[in-house]
């Protein structure tokens, strides 16, 4: 097979394997620039919460069915809060929270479930996504606002060590 050269420079054109190699390097660079999703915490799904009966289940049966919340999710004299945050990481940019859900389970003085509520954030405001209650209104709303407020100061970059 004869090699073709450039009549002006005498150089040969790049070999096909060099073009393939350059294409692979370019593909790797582009893949490295893709955003990475990270998920922090856990909020029970609607199907998991459907297994809990208001007025019948207790803290203990809830713990067996869906687990106990993390350390920050148990507040003295209050219900349990399960929190899940989803963050998008775009390499050099700071992480951006793309969604947050808080599931609040309230208990009465006999440790029986009274309320199950799911809250989310839309435009920085707490919104009710679903609610199964036996009493009127979200009596833990001020506590929930505190929980969401504290979590709003959470910086996942501190978790990356």
Protein backbone atom coordinates (compact mmCIF):
# COMPACT_ATOMS: atom_id res chain seq x y z
CA UNK A 1 0.00 0.00 0.00
CA UNK A 2 1.42 3.35 -0.99
CA UNK A 3 1.60 6.15 1.54
CA UNK A 4 0.23 9.46 0.42
CA UNK A 5 2.02 12.59 1.49
CA UNK A 6 1.12 16.26 1.33
CA UNK A 7 3.01 17.67 -1.67
CA UNK A 8 3.61 21.00 0.13
CA UNK A 9 4.85 19.71 3.50
CA UNK A 10 5.70 16.11 2.79
CA UNK A 11 3.66 15.08 5.86
CA UNK A 12 1.40 12.08 5.92
CA UNK A 13 -2.26 12.43 6.90
CA UNK A 14 -3.15 11.16 10.41
CA UNK A 15 -3.65 7.42 10.71
CA UNK A 16 -7.27 6.27 11.28
CA UNK A 17 -6.39 4.98 14.77
CA UNK A 18 -5.28 8.50 15.75
CA UNK A 19 -8.66 9.89 14.72
CA UNK A 20 -10.42 7.18 16.74
CA UNK A 21 -8.19 7.95 19.75
CA UNK A 22 -8.91 11.68 19.49
CA UNK A 23 -12.65 10.91 19.31
CA UNK A 24 -12.45 8.77 22.46
CA UNK A 25 -10.58 11.49 24.36
CA UNK A 26 -13.21 14.04 23.30
CA UNK A 27 -16.01 11.69 24.42
CA UNK A 28 -14.36 11.23 27.84
CA UNK A 29 -13.99 14.98 28.30
CA UNK A 30 -17.66 15.55 27.46
CA UNK A 31 -18.75 12.74 29.82
CA UNK A 32 -16.72 14.30 32.64
CA UNK A 33 -18.68 17.54 32.20
CA UNK A 34 -22.08 15.85 32.68
CA UNK A 35 -23.89 16.76 35.92
CA UNK A 36 -23.82 14.23 38.77
CA UNK A 37 -26.87 13.69 40.98
CA UNK A 38 -26.40 13.01 44.70
CA UNK A 39 -29.18 11.96 47.05
CA UNK A 40 -29.09 12.69 50.78
CA UNK A 41 -31.44 11.18 53.34
CA UNK A 42 -34.56 9.11 52.80
CA UNK A 43 -38.25 9.97 52.67
CA UNK A 44 -40.62 6.97 52.71
CA UNK A 45 -42.61 6.40 49.52
CA UNK A 46 -46.39 6.69 49.34
CA UNK A 47 -46.67 2.89 49.19
CA UNK A 48 -44.57 2.55 52.36
CA UNK A 49 -46.71 5.16 54.13
CA UNK A 50 -49.90 3.39 52.99
CA UNK A 51 -48.90 0.49 55.26
CA UNK A 52 -49.23 2.74 58.32
CA UNK A 53 -52.69 3.01 59.87
CA UNK A 54 -53.50 6.27 61.65
CA UNK A 55 -54.77 5.69 65.19
CA UNK A 56 -53.53 2.11 65.21
CA UNK A 57 -49.80 2.02 64.46
CA UNK A 58 -47.29 3.12 67.09
CA UNK A 59 -43.73 4.45 67.02
CA UNK A 60 -42.50 0.87 67.29
CA UNK A 61 -44.57 -0.47 64.37
CA UNK A 62 -43.62 2.54 62.24
CA UNK A 63 -39.95 1.86 63.02
CA UNK A 64 -40.37 -1.77 61.92
CA UNK A 65 -42.19 -0.86 58.70
CA UNK A 66 -40.22 2.10 57.39
CA UNK A 67 -37.33 2.52 59.82
CA UNK A 68 -36.47 5.30 62.22
CA UNK A 69 -35.49 8.72 60.90
CA UNK A 70 -31.92 9.94 61.15
CA UNK A 71 -30.69 11.61 64.34
CA UNK A 72 -31.95 15.03 63.22
CA UNK A 73 -35.39 13.61 62.40
CA UNK A 74 -36.38 12.85 65.98
CA UNK A 75 -37.31 15.91 67.99
CA UNK A 76 -38.06 15.78 71.68
CA UNK A 77 -41.82 15.73 72.35
CA UNK A 78 -42.59 15.83 68.66
CA UNK A 79 -43.09 13.57 65.70
CA UNK A 80 -40.59 12.03 63.36
CA UNK A 81 -39.26 13.79 60.28
CA UNK A 82 -37.81 11.93 57.30
CA UNK A 83 -35.92 14.21 54.93
CA UNK A 84 -34.64 13.58 51.42
CA UNK A 85 -32.74 16.12 49.33
CA UNK A 86 -31.60 15.65 45.75
CA UNK A 87 -28.62 17.73 44.59
CA UNK A 88 -27.14 18.32 41.15
CA UNK A 89 -23.35 18.78 40.99
CA UNK A 90 -21.96 20.51 37.89
CA UNK A 91 -18.21 20.05 38.38
CA UNK A 92 -16.81 23.52 39.14
CA UNK A 93 -20.13 25.10 40.16
CA UNK A 94 -21.57 24.85 43.67
CA UNK A 95 -24.15 22.05 44.15
CA UNK A 96 -27.80 22.98 43.48
CA UNK A 97 -30.69 21.44 45.39
CA UNK A 98 -33.24 20.25 42.82
CA UNK A 99 -35.80 18.79 45.24
CA UNK A 100 -36.48 18.26 48.93
CA UNK A 101 -39.20 16.25 50.63
CA UNK A 102 -40.04 16.04 54.31
CA UNK A 103 -42.36 13.35 55.66
CA UNK A 104 -43.70 14.23 59.11
CA UNK A 105 -45.31 11.53 61.26
CA UNK A 106 -46.98 12.81 64.44
CA UNK A 107 -47.82 10.72 67.49
CA UNK A 108 -50.26 11.22 70.38
CA UNK A 109 -49.43 10.83 74.09
CA UNK A 110 -49.88 7.05 73.74
CA UNK A 111 -47.34 6.94 70.88
CA UNK A 112 -50.04 6.19 68.28
CA UNK A 113 -49.82 7.79 64.82
CA UNK A 114 -52.09 10.83 64.48
CA UNK A 115 -50.84 12.49 61.27
CA UNK A 116 -48.80 11.60 58.22
CA UNK A 117 -47.83 14.57 56.07
CA UNK A 118 -45.51 15.02 53.10
CA UNK A 119 -44.08 18.46 52.43
CA UNK A 120 -41.92 19.73 49.60
CA UNK A 121 -40.28 22.98 48.59
CA UNK A 122 -41.45 25.03 45.64
CA UNK A 123 -39.70 28.32 44.99
CA UNK A 124 -38.29 28.20 48.53
CA UNK A 125 -41.74 27.85 50.14
CA UNK A 126 -42.97 24.83 52.10
CA UNK A 127 -45.94 23.19 50.36
CA UNK A 128 -48.11 20.25 51.40
CA UNK A 129 -47.78 17.35 48.95
CA UNK A 130 -50.02 14.86 50.79
CA UNK A 131 -51.73 14.65 54.16
CA UNK A 132 -53.51 11.98 56.23
CA UNK A 133 -54.57 13.54 59.53
CA UNK A 134 -56.90 12.96 62.44
CA UNK A 135 -56.63 16.45 63.92
CA UNK A 136 -57.09 19.81 62.23
CA UNK A 137 -54.17 21.55 60.61
CA UNK A 138 -50.47 20.89 60.75
CA UNK A 139 -49.82 21.36 64.45
CA UNK A 140 -46.14 20.76 63.82
CA UNK A 141 -45.94 23.44 61.14
CA UNK A 142 -43.66 25.70 63.20
CA UNK A 143 -41.45 22.73 64.02
CA UNK A 144 -41.50 21.72 60.35
CA UNK A 145 -40.55 25.25 59.34
CA UNK A 146 -37.57 25.00 61.72
CA UNK A 147 -36.54 21.64 60.26
CA UNK A 148 -36.80 22.91 56.69
CA UNK A 149 -35.00 26.12 57.67
CA UNK A 150 -32.09 24.24 59.20
CA UNK A 151 -31.89 21.96 56.18
CA UNK A 152 -31.90 25.01 53.95
CA UNK A 153 -28.53 25.90 55.46
CA UNK A 154 -27.19 22.40 54.70
CA UNK A 155 -24.23 22.46 52.35
CA UNK A 156 -23.55 19.08 50.71
CA UNK A 157 -20.07 20.26 49.73
CA UNK A 158 -19.14 19.76 53.39
CA UNK A 159 -20.03 16.06 52.99
CA UNK A 160 -17.50 15.57 50.19
CA UNK A 161 -14.31 14.65 52.02
